[in-house]
C-alpha atoms as a PDB file:
ATOM      1  CA  MET A   1      58.943  21.683  -4.211  1.00  0.00           C
ATOM      2  CA  ALA A   2      55.474  23.189  -4.592  1.00  0.00           C
ATOM      3  CA  ARG A   3      54.939  21.145  -7.718  1.00  0.00           C
ATOM      4  CA  LEU A   4      55.490  17.785  -6.019  1.00  0.00           C
ATOM      5  CA  PRO A   5      52.180  17.697  -4.037  1.00  0.00           C
ATOM      6  CA  LEU A   6      50.323  18.986  -7.102  1.00  0.00           C
ATOM      7  CA  THR A   7      51.931  16.315  -9.283  1.00  0.00           C
ATOM      8  CA  LEU A   8      51.114  13.573  -6.757  1.00  0.00           C
ATOM      9  CA  ALA A   9      47.523  14.743  -6.485  1.00  0.00           C
ATOM     10  CA  ALA A  10      47.142  14.770 -10.274  1.00  0.00           C
ATOM     11  CA  ALA A  11      48.678  11.301 -10.557  1.00  0.00           C
ATOM     12  CA  LEU A  12      46.355   9.889  -7.888  1.00  0.00           C
ATOM     13  CA  LEU A  13      43.359  11.520  -9.517  1.00  0.00           C
ATOM     14  CA  LEU A  14      44.209  10.099 -12.923  1.00  0.00           C
ATOM     15  CA  SER A  15      44.932   6.640 -11.548  1.00  0.00           C
ATOM     16  CA  GLY A  16      41.550   6.611  -9.821  1.00  0.00           C
ATOM     17  CA  CYS A  17      39.752   7.551 -13.018  1.00  0.00           C
ATOM     18  CA  ALA A  18      41.635   5.030 -15.119  1.00  0.00           C
ATOM     19  CA  SER A  19      40.876   2.006 -12.935  1.00  0.00           C
ATOM     20  CA  ASP A  20      37.921  -0.272 -13.578  1.00  0.00           C
ATOM     21  CA  GLN A  21      34.761   0.615 -11.729  1.00  0.00           C
ATOM     22  CA  ILE A  22      33.358  -1.969  -9.345  1.00  0.00           C
ATOM     23  CA  ALA A  23      29.642  -2.559  -9.748  1.00  0.00           C
ATOM     24  CA  VAL A  24      27.833  -3.041  -6.463  1.00  0.00           C
ATOM     25  CA  LYS A  25      24.403  -4.620  -6.746  1.00  0.00           C
ATOM     26  CA  VAL A  26      21.971  -3.253  -4.177  1.00  0.00           C
ATOM     27  CA  PRO A  27      18.457  -4.654  -3.872  1.00  0.00           C
ATOM     28  CA  VAL A  28      15.803  -2.027  -4.497  1.00  0.00           C
ATOM     29  CA  VAL A  29      12.466  -2.302  -2.779  1.00  0.00           C
ATOM     30  CA  GLN A  30       9.637  -2.681  -5.272  1.00  0.00           C
ATOM     31  CA  ARG A  31       6.122  -1.535  -4.495  1.00  0.00           C
ATOM     32  CA  ALA A  32       3.853  -4.546  -4.292  1.00  0.00           C
ATOM     33  CA  GLU A  33       0.636  -4.347  -6.281  1.00  0.00           C
ATOM     34  CA  PRO A  34      -2.384  -5.617  -4.339  1.00  0.00           C
ATOM     35  CA  PRO A  35      -4.652  -8.214  -5.924  1.00  0.00           C
ATOM     36  CA  ALA A  36      -7.605  -6.911  -7.884  1.00  0.00           C
ATOM     37  CA  ASP A  37     -10.159  -8.328  -5.444  1.00  0.00           C
ATOM     38  CA  LEU A  38      -8.715  -6.196  -2.627  1.00  0.00           C
ATOM     39  CA  VAL A  39      -9.086  -2.929  -4.503  1.00  0.00           C
ATOM     40  CA  ALA A  40     -12.455  -3.673  -6.095  1.00  0.00           C
ATOM     41  CA  PRO A  41     -15.150  -1.344  -4.803  1.00  0.00           C
ATOM     42  CA  ILE A  42     -17.725  -2.698  -2.384  1.00  0.00           C
ATOM     43  CA  PRO A  43     -21.149  -1.526  -3.522  1.00  0.00           C
ATOM     44  CA  PRO A  44     -23.214   0.132  -0.803  1.00  0.00           C
ATOM     45  CA  PRO A  45     -26.401  -1.687   0.175  1.00  0.00           C
ATOM     46  CA  GLY A  46     -28.740   1.070  -0.985  1.00  0.00           C
ATOM     47  CA  PRO A  47     -31.504   2.600   1.081  1.00  0.00           C
ATOM     48  CA  ILE A  48     -31.663   0.675   4.345  1.00  0.00           C
ATOM     49  CA  PHE A  49     -33.265   3.131   6.725  1.00  0.00           C
ATOM     50  CA  SER A  50     -37.009   3.640   6.843  1.00  0.00           C
ATOM     51  CA  ALA A  51     -39.337   6.153   8.393  1.00  0.00           C
ATOM     52  CA  PRO A  52     -40.142   5.599  12.044  1.00  0.00           C
ATOM     53  CA  GLY A  53     -43.130   3.379  12.485  1.00  0.00           C
ATOM     54  CA  THR A  54     -44.455   0.315  14.167  1.00  0.00           C
ATOM     55  CA  SER A  55     -42.686  -2.110  11.811  1.00  0.00           C
ATOM     56  CA  SER A  56     -39.218  -0.634  12.289  1.00  0.00           C
ATOM     57  CA  ILE A  57     -36.924  -0.373  15.276  1.00  0.00           C
ATOM     58  CA  ALA A  58     -34.476   2.556  15.239  1.00  0.00           C
ATOM     59  CA  CYS A  59     -35.598   3.301  11.662  1.00  0.00           C
ATOM     60  CA  LEU A  60     -34.517  -0.131  10.443  1.00  0.00           C
ATOM     61  CA  ASP A  61     -36.952  -2.706   9.191  1.00  0.00           C
ATOM     62  CA  PRO A  62     -35.836  -6.385   9.046  1.00  0.00           C
ATOM     63  CA  ALA A  63     -34.733  -6.155   5.387  1.00  0.00           C
ATOM     64  CA  GLY A  64     -32.708  -2.984   6.056  1.00  0.00           C
ATOM     65  CA  ARG A  65     -31.144  -4.578   9.112  1.00  0.00           C
ATOM     66  CA  ASP A  66     -30.056  -7.618   7.095  1.00  0.00           C
ATOM     67  CA  ALA A  67     -28.628  -5.370   4.358  1.00  0.00           C
ATOM     68  CA  LEU A  68     -26.701  -3.292   6.902  1.00  0.00           C
ATOM     69  CA  VAL A  69     -25.331  -6.348   8.702  1.00  0.00           C
ATOM     70  CA  GLY A  70     -24.274  -7.900   5.380  1.00  0.00           C
ATOM     71  CA  TYR A  71     -22.535  -4.678   4.330  1.00  0.00           C
ATOM     72  CA  VAL A  72     -20.622  -4.412   7.608  1.00  0.00           C
ATOM     73  CA  GLU A  73     -19.637  -8.067   7.307  1.00  0.00           C
ATOM     74  CA  LEU A  74     -18.287  -7.460   3.787  1.00  0.00           C
ATOM     75  CA  LEU A  75     -16.248  -4.517   5.103  1.00  0.00           C
ATOM     76  CA  ARG A  76     -14.832  -6.635   7.924  1.00  0.00           C
ATOM     77  CA  LYS A  77     -13.889  -9.408   5.502  1.00  0.00           C
ATOM     78  CA  ARG A  78     -12.130  -6.875   3.261  1.00  0.00           C
ATOM     79  CA  VAL A  79     -10.134  -5.529   6.219  1.00  0.00           C
ATOM     80  CA  GLY A  80      -9.209  -9.097   7.184  1.00  0.00           C
ATOM     81  CA  ALA A  81      -8.109  -9.820   3.617  1.00  0.00           C
ATOM     82  CA  TRP A  82      -5.911  -6.683   3.604  1.00  0.00           C
ATOM     83  CA  GLU A  83      -4.379  -7.690   6.928  1.00  0.00           C
ATOM     84  CA  ALA A  84      -3.692 -11.214   5.640  1.00  0.00           C
ATOM     85  CA  TRP A  85      -2.145  -9.864   2.437  1.00  0.00           C
ATOM     86  CA  THR A  86       0.125  -7.395   4.224  1.00  0.00           C
ATOM     87  CA  ALA A  87       1.252  -9.813   6.948  1.00  0.00           C
ATOM     88  CA  PRO A  88       4.836 -11.023   6.556  1.00  0.00           C
END
C-alpha cells in the first residue's frame, strides 16, 4: 500500500513533464530612448557678471543680463520639452 501513493506521484510527475509546454507571451516594458536634442548639453553663457560700478546693477551689465535671461529661457524650454516628451 505504501507504494501506491509513490507510484501515483511518479506517474503525475512524468505526465506533467511529457506534456507540451504552453508559451505565454507577456509584454516587457522597454526603456524609451530620449531624442538627441533633449540630451544635448546646453552651453553656459560665459562670464555674465561684472565688477560693481556705475554701469552695472547687481553686478550685471545689460549684455550680461541679456545672456543670463537667454540662458534661463533655454533651460525653461528644455524642461518644457522633457515634460512634453514624457507626457502620456
